[in-house]
């Protein structure tokens, strides 16, 4: 006789259990640190409500009760266990949705996000009147649509003409230069450092990233009778802005007496040359 399985009894092969990958496990753990208010990560020092719910430090300052259970947030309770877990996890950059692929230790995250190439760009025009911000690709359309008065000149060598430099008070002159398939913003800013003493600051910014800016150099030149004043440097990215260049003196700086030596009827011409490495 031939033995066989009893009728109706079937043998099933053992099902393979799919374990989460290390990346999936890390993502599941970091999700536990999500702030219920702003959806950013709750990073050390980590405080909890009396029921154990977490809240990031920024949102905690604005609230008087826990948004999850409505319980009191005081007294502050430190969650040391979650802090240890956080110290063992890499956290994605807050601009990951914009394309940043970096994950960092929580102590390195704030510094990186300050200079992340994927953080939103603000309007590069001097002054604080325009509150626009958006992607790098949207900067030029914004300038052309909203700041239509800015002139754009084509070519590697142009003359940036600042008119009426004797106007009182702080004044900005702005022009665009287009060459090497990139756009550059030329800025001359006049500031009154103290009573009766004014200074001029001239700088070139690339409408691009810091890494792209490293591929270029610019030269600013003032020419007069038997006089020449020259400044050469790498352009700053608009991520840095004009204020940072002025604060670090990373620009052409001259006072009113120097400006008058090179001005013609109150107008100052600055020769601008862009070169590519």
Protein backbone atom coordinates (compact mmCIF):
# COMPACT_ATOMS: atom_id res chain seq x y z
CA UNK A 1 0.00 0.00 0.00
CA UNK A 2 1.03 3.52 -0.49
CA UNK A 3 0.88 5.79 2.46
CA UNK A 4 -0.29 9.29 1.90
CA UNK A 5 -1.66 12.24 3.68
CA UNK A 6 -5.11 11.94 5.13
CA UNK A 7 -7.70 13.42 2.82
CA UNK A 8 -8.15 17.13 3.31
CA UNK A 9 -4.83 17.66 5.11
CA UNK A 10 -2.50 20.00 3.26
CA UNK A 11 1.07 20.90 4.03
CA UNK A 12 1.87 24.56 3.66
CA UNK A 13 5.43 25.77 3.19
CA UNK A 14 6.71 27.92 6.03
CA UNK A 15 6.07 31.58 5.26
CA UNK A 16 9.17 33.80 5.17
CA UNK A 17 9.05 36.59 7.72
CA UNK A 18 10.16 39.91 6.23
CA UNK A 19 12.14 41.90 8.76
CA UNK A 20 12.39 45.67 8.39
CA UNK A 21 15.68 46.97 7.04
CA UNK A 22 17.93 49.10 9.27
CA UNK A 23 16.78 52.19 7.36
CA UNK A 24 13.13 51.30 7.94
CA UNK A 25 13.74 50.68 11.64
CA UNK A 26 15.53 54.02 11.92
CA UNK A 27 12.63 55.79 10.18
CA UNK A 28 10.14 54.15 12.54
CA UNK A 29 12.13 55.29 15.56
CA UNK A 30 12.63 58.86 14.36
CA UNK A 31 8.87 59.09 13.75
CA UNK A 32 8.41 58.70 17.52
CA UNK A 33 10.16 62.06 17.95
CA UNK A 34 7.74 64.00 15.74
CA UNK A 35 6.28 67.07 17.41
CA UNK A 36 2.45 66.93 17.27
CA UNK A 37 2.24 70.69 16.62
CA UNK A 38 4.91 71.65 14.05
CA UNK A 39 5.85 68.09 12.92
CA UNK A 40 9.54 68.88 13.33
CA UNK A 41 11.62 66.59 15.53
CA UNK A 42 11.73 66.78 19.33
CA UNK A 43 15.46 66.87 20.08
CA UNK A 44 17.44 66.92 23.35
CA UNK A 45 16.92 68.26 25.90
CA UNK A 46 13.60 66.39 25.67
CA UNK A 47 10.76 67.40 27.98
CA UNK A 48 7.42 65.66 28.38
CA UNK A 49 4.05 66.37 29.94
CA UNK A 50 2.94 64.45 33.04
CA UNK A 51 1.37 61.79 30.79
CA UNK A 52 4.59 61.25 28.83
CA UNK A 53 3.75 63.12 25.60
CA UNK A 54 6.63 64.91 23.88
CA UNK A 55 6.68 68.45 22.52
CA UNK A 56 9.52 70.32 20.81
CA UNK A 57 11.15 73.20 22.69
CA UNK A 58 9.91 75.84 20.22
CA UNK A 59 6.26 74.83 20.51
CA UNK A 60 6.52 74.26 24.26
CA UNK A 61 7.35 77.96 24.75
CA UNK A 62 4.07 78.94 23.08
CA UNK A 63 1.71 76.52 24.87
CA UNK A 64 0.44 76.19 28.42
CA UNK A 65 -1.01 72.67 28.10
CA UNK A 66 -0.16 69.47 26.25
CA UNK A 67 -1.74 69.45 22.76
CA UNK A 68 -2.24 65.67 22.97
CA UNK A 69 -3.91 65.19 26.37
CA UNK A 70 -4.54 68.81 27.46
CA UNK A 71 -2.64 68.09 30.65
CA UNK A 72 -0.33 70.67 32.26
CA UNK A 73 3.19 71.14 30.91
CA UNK A 74 4.51 72.23 34.28
CA UNK A 75 6.51 71.16 36.12
CA UNK A 76 9.02 70.26 33.40
CA UNK A 77 9.83 66.54 33.27
CA UNK A 78 13.01 65.45 31.49
CA UNK A 79 12.80 62.23 29.46
CA UNK A 80 16.35 60.88 29.71
CA UNK A 81 15.50 57.55 28.06
CA UNK A 82 14.27 59.24 24.87
CA UNK A 83 17.33 61.48 24.89
CA UNK A 84 19.56 58.39 24.84
CA UNK A 85 17.58 56.97 21.92
CA UNK A 86 17.81 60.30 20.08
CA UNK A 87 21.60 60.32 20.53
CA UNK A 88 21.80 56.97 18.73
CA UNK A 89 19.64 57.99 15.74
CA UNK A 90 20.34 59.97 12.56
CA UNK A 91 17.66 62.61 11.92
CA UNK A 92 16.80 63.79 8.39
CA UNK A 93 17.46 67.41 7.51
CA UNK A 94 14.30 69.52 7.83
CA UNK A 95 14.65 70.35 4.13
CA UNK A 96 14.55 66.69 3.04
CA UNK A 97 11.26 67.33 1.21
CA UNK A 98 13.12 69.90 -0.92
CA UNK A 99 15.82 67.38 -1.87
CA UNK A 100 18.37 67.21 0.95
CA UNK A 101 19.42 63.59 1.48
CA UNK A 102 21.49 64.08 4.64
CA UNK A 103 20.66 62.53 8.00
CA UNK A 104 22.64 63.81 10.95
CA UNK A 105 23.22 63.46 14.67
CA UNK A 106 20.87 65.80 16.48
CA UNK A 107 23.78 67.99 17.66
CA UNK A 108 24.88 68.60 14.04
CA UNK A 109 21.40 69.17 12.63
CA UNK A 110 20.87 72.88 13.51
CA UNK A 111 24.24 74.01 12.09
CA UNK A 112 23.69 72.08 8.86
CA UNK A 113 20.19 73.47 8.37
CA UNK A 114 21.53 77.02 8.67
CA UNK A 115 23.62 76.48 5.52
CA UNK A 116 21.69 73.69 3.77
CA UNK A 117 21.65 74.20 0.01
CA UNK A 118 17.99 73.14 -0.05
CA UNK A 119 16.65 75.65 2.46
CA UNK A 120 14.20 78.19 0.96
CA UNK A 121 15.75 81.30 -0.55
CA UNK A 122 14.65 84.78 0.49
CA UNK A 123 14.42 87.72 -1.87
CA UNK A 124 18.04 88.84 -2.48
CA UNK A 125 17.16 92.52 -2.87
CA UNK A 126 18.72 94.68 -0.13
CA UNK A 127 16.46 95.87 2.64
CA UNK A 128 13.69 94.06 4.48
CA UNK A 129 10.66 95.28 2.54
CA UNK A 130 10.18 92.16 0.38
CA UNK A 131 9.17 89.10 2.41
CA UNK A 132 9.16 86.63 -0.50
CA UNK A 133 10.84 83.24 -0.15
CA UNK A 134 10.90 80.20 -2.41
CA UNK A 135 13.09 77.80 -4.37
CA UNK A 136 16.27 78.80 -6.19
CA UNK A 137 14.55 78.25 -9.54
CA UNK A 138 11.86 80.77 -8.56
CA UNK A 139 14.25 83.60 -7.62
CA UNK A 140 14.74 85.07 -11.11
CA UNK A 141 11.03 84.89 -12.05
CA UNK A 142 10.29 86.68 -8.76
CA UNK A 143 12.82 89.43 -9.49
CA UNK A 144 11.54 89.91 -13.05
CA UNK A 145 7.90 90.02 -11.96
CA UNK A 146 8.07 91.98 -8.70
CA UNK A 147 11.27 94.03 -8.99
CA UNK A 148 10.89 95.13 -12.60
CA UNK A 149 12.92 98.31 -12.12
CA UNK A 150 16.17 96.32 -11.82
CA UNK A 151 18.15 96.55 -15.06
CA UNK A 152 19.88 93.45 -16.47
CA UNK A 153 23.02 93.79 -18.60
CA UNK A 154 24.49 90.97 -20.68
CA UNK A 155 28.17 90.05 -20.82
CA UNK A 156 31.23 89.36 -18.70
CA UNK A 157 32.34 93.02 -18.60
CA UNK A 158 29.83 95.75 -17.82
CA UNK A 159 29.67 99.17 -16.17
CA UNK A 160 27.45 99.40 -13.11
CA UNK A 161 26.32 103.04 -12.99
CA UNK A 162 25.11 104.31 -9.61
CA UNK A 163 23.37 107.64 -10.10
CA UNK A 164 22.98 110.43 -7.54
CA UNK A 165 25.37 109.01 -4.97
CA UNK A 166 24.97 112.23 -2.97
CA UNK A 167 21.39 111.37 -2.00
CA UNK A 168 20.98 111.70 1.78
CA UNK A 169 20.55 108.74 4.09
CA UNK A 170 21.08 105.03 3.38
CA UNK A 171 20.62 104.15 -0.30
CA UNK A 172 20.88 100.93 -2.35
CA UNK A 173 21.70 100.62 -6.04
CA UNK A 174 21.01 97.23 -7.66
CA UNK A 175 21.69 95.82 -11.12
CA UNK A 176 21.73 92.33 -12.65
CA UNK A 177 24.50 90.91 -14.83
CA UNK A 178 23.95 87.84 -17.00
CA UNK A 179 26.86 85.74 -18.29
CA UNK A 180 28.11 82.15 -18.36
CA UNK A 181 24.45 81.01 -18.26
CA UNK A 182 24.12 82.47 -14.75
CA UNK A 183 22.72 85.63 -13.21
CA UNK A 184 24.62 87.87 -10.82
CA UNK A 185 23.25 90.64 -8.61
CA UNK A 186 25.42 93.74 -8.25
CA UNK A 187 24.76 95.82 -5.15
CA UNK A 188 26.14 99.16 -4.03
CA UNK A 189 24.95 100.11 -0.57
CA UNK A 190 25.52 103.41 1.23
CA UNK A 191 25.32 103.43 5.01
CA UNK A 192 25.81 106.15 7.57
CA UNK A 193 28.15 104.61 10.10
CA UNK A 194 27.97 107.59 12.41
CA UNK A 195 27.03 111.26 12.21
CA UNK A 196 28.44 112.75 9.03
CA UNK A 197 30.47 109.67 8.07
CA UNK A 198 29.11 107.55 5.22
CA UNK A 199 30.54 104.39 3.71
CA UNK A 200 29.87 102.58 0.45
CA UNK A 201 29.86 98.78 0.12
CA UNK A 202 29.93 97.10 -3.31
CA UNK A 203 29.46 93.34 -3.72
CA UNK A 204 28.47 90.74 -6.30
CA UNK A 205 26.08 87.89 -5.46
CA UNK A 206 25.41 84.79 -7.55
CA UNK A 207 21.80 83.75 -8.03
CA UNK A 208 22.85 80.22 -7.15
CA UNK A 209 24.26 77.96 -4.46
CA UNK A 210 27.47 78.42 -2.49
CA UNK A 211 29.02 75.51 -4.36
CA UNK A 212 28.19 77.12 -7.72
CA UNK A 213 29.62 80.45 -6.53
CA UNK A 214 33.02 78.81 -6.01
CA UNK A 215 33.32 78.42 -9.80
CA UNK A 216 33.41 82.19 -10.38
CA UNK A 217 35.45 85.27 -9.55
CA UNK A 218 34.60 88.92 -9.94
CA UNK A 219 36.52 92.17 -10.12
CA UNK A 220 35.19 95.62 -9.23
CA UNK A 221 37.17 98.58 -10.47
CA UNK A 222 36.85 102.33 -9.97
CA UNK A 223 38.81 104.38 -12.49
CA UNK A 224 39.69 108.06 -12.33
CA UNK A 225 42.41 110.40 -13.49
CA UNK A 226 45.64 108.65 -12.44
CA UNK A 227 43.68 106.66 -9.91
CA UNK A 228 42.38 103.11 -9.75
CA UNK A 229 40.69 101.18 -6.96
CA UNK A 230 40.20 97.43 -7.45
CA UNK A 231 38.58 94.61 -5.50
CA UNK A 232 38.69 90.94 -6.52
CA UNK A 233 36.85 88.10 -4.80
CA UNK A 234 34.62 85.06 -5.19
CA UNK A 235 30.97 86.08 -5.44
CA UNK A 236 28.76 85.22 -2.52
CA UNK A 237 25.66 83.12 -2.98
CA UNK A 238 22.36 84.89 -2.40
CA UNK A 239 21.98 82.39 0.45
CA UNK A 240 24.52 84.52 2.33
CA UNK A 241 23.08 87.87 1.32
CA UNK A 242 24.46 91.39 1.19
CA UNK A 243 24.37 91.93 4.96
CA UNK A 244 26.74 89.02 5.63
CA UNK A 245 29.25 90.33 3.07
CA UNK A 246 29.18 93.80 4.63
CA UNK A 247 29.43 92.45 8.17
CA UNK A 248 32.54 90.45 7.25
CA UNK A 249 33.98 93.26 5.07
CA UNK A 250 34.00 90.77 2.18
CA UNK A 251 33.34 93.48 -0.39
CA UNK A 252 34.71 96.70 -1.83
CA UNK A 253 34.53 99.35 0.91
CA UNK A 254 35.18 103.07 0.46
CA UNK A 255 34.04 106.30 2.06
CA UNK A 256 32.45 109.43 0.63
CA UNK A 257 35.75 111.19 -0.09
CA UNK A 258 36.94 108.22 -2.17
CA UNK A 259 33.59 108.07 -3.97
CA UNK A 260 33.91 111.73 -4.96
CA UNK A 261 37.38 111.11 -6.42
CA UNK A 262 35.87 108.68 -8.93
CA UNK A 263 32.39 110.16 -9.40
CA UNK A 264 31.33 112.27 -12.37
CA UNK A 265 28.58 114.81 -11.65
CA UNK A 266 27.34 112.73 -8.73
CA UNK A 267 27.29 109.46 -10.72
CA UNK A 268 29.66 106.60 -9.95
CA UNK A 269 30.61 104.03 -12.58
CA UNK A 270 31.95 100.68 -11.38
CA UNK A 271 33.53 98.34 -13.92
CA UNK A 272 32.40 94.78 -13.19
CA UNK A 273 34.14 91.74 -14.65
CA UNK A 274 32.95 88.17 -14.05
CA UNK A 275 35.28 85.26 -14.81
CA UNK A 276 34.78 81.51 -14.61
CA UNK A 277 37.35 78.97 -13.42
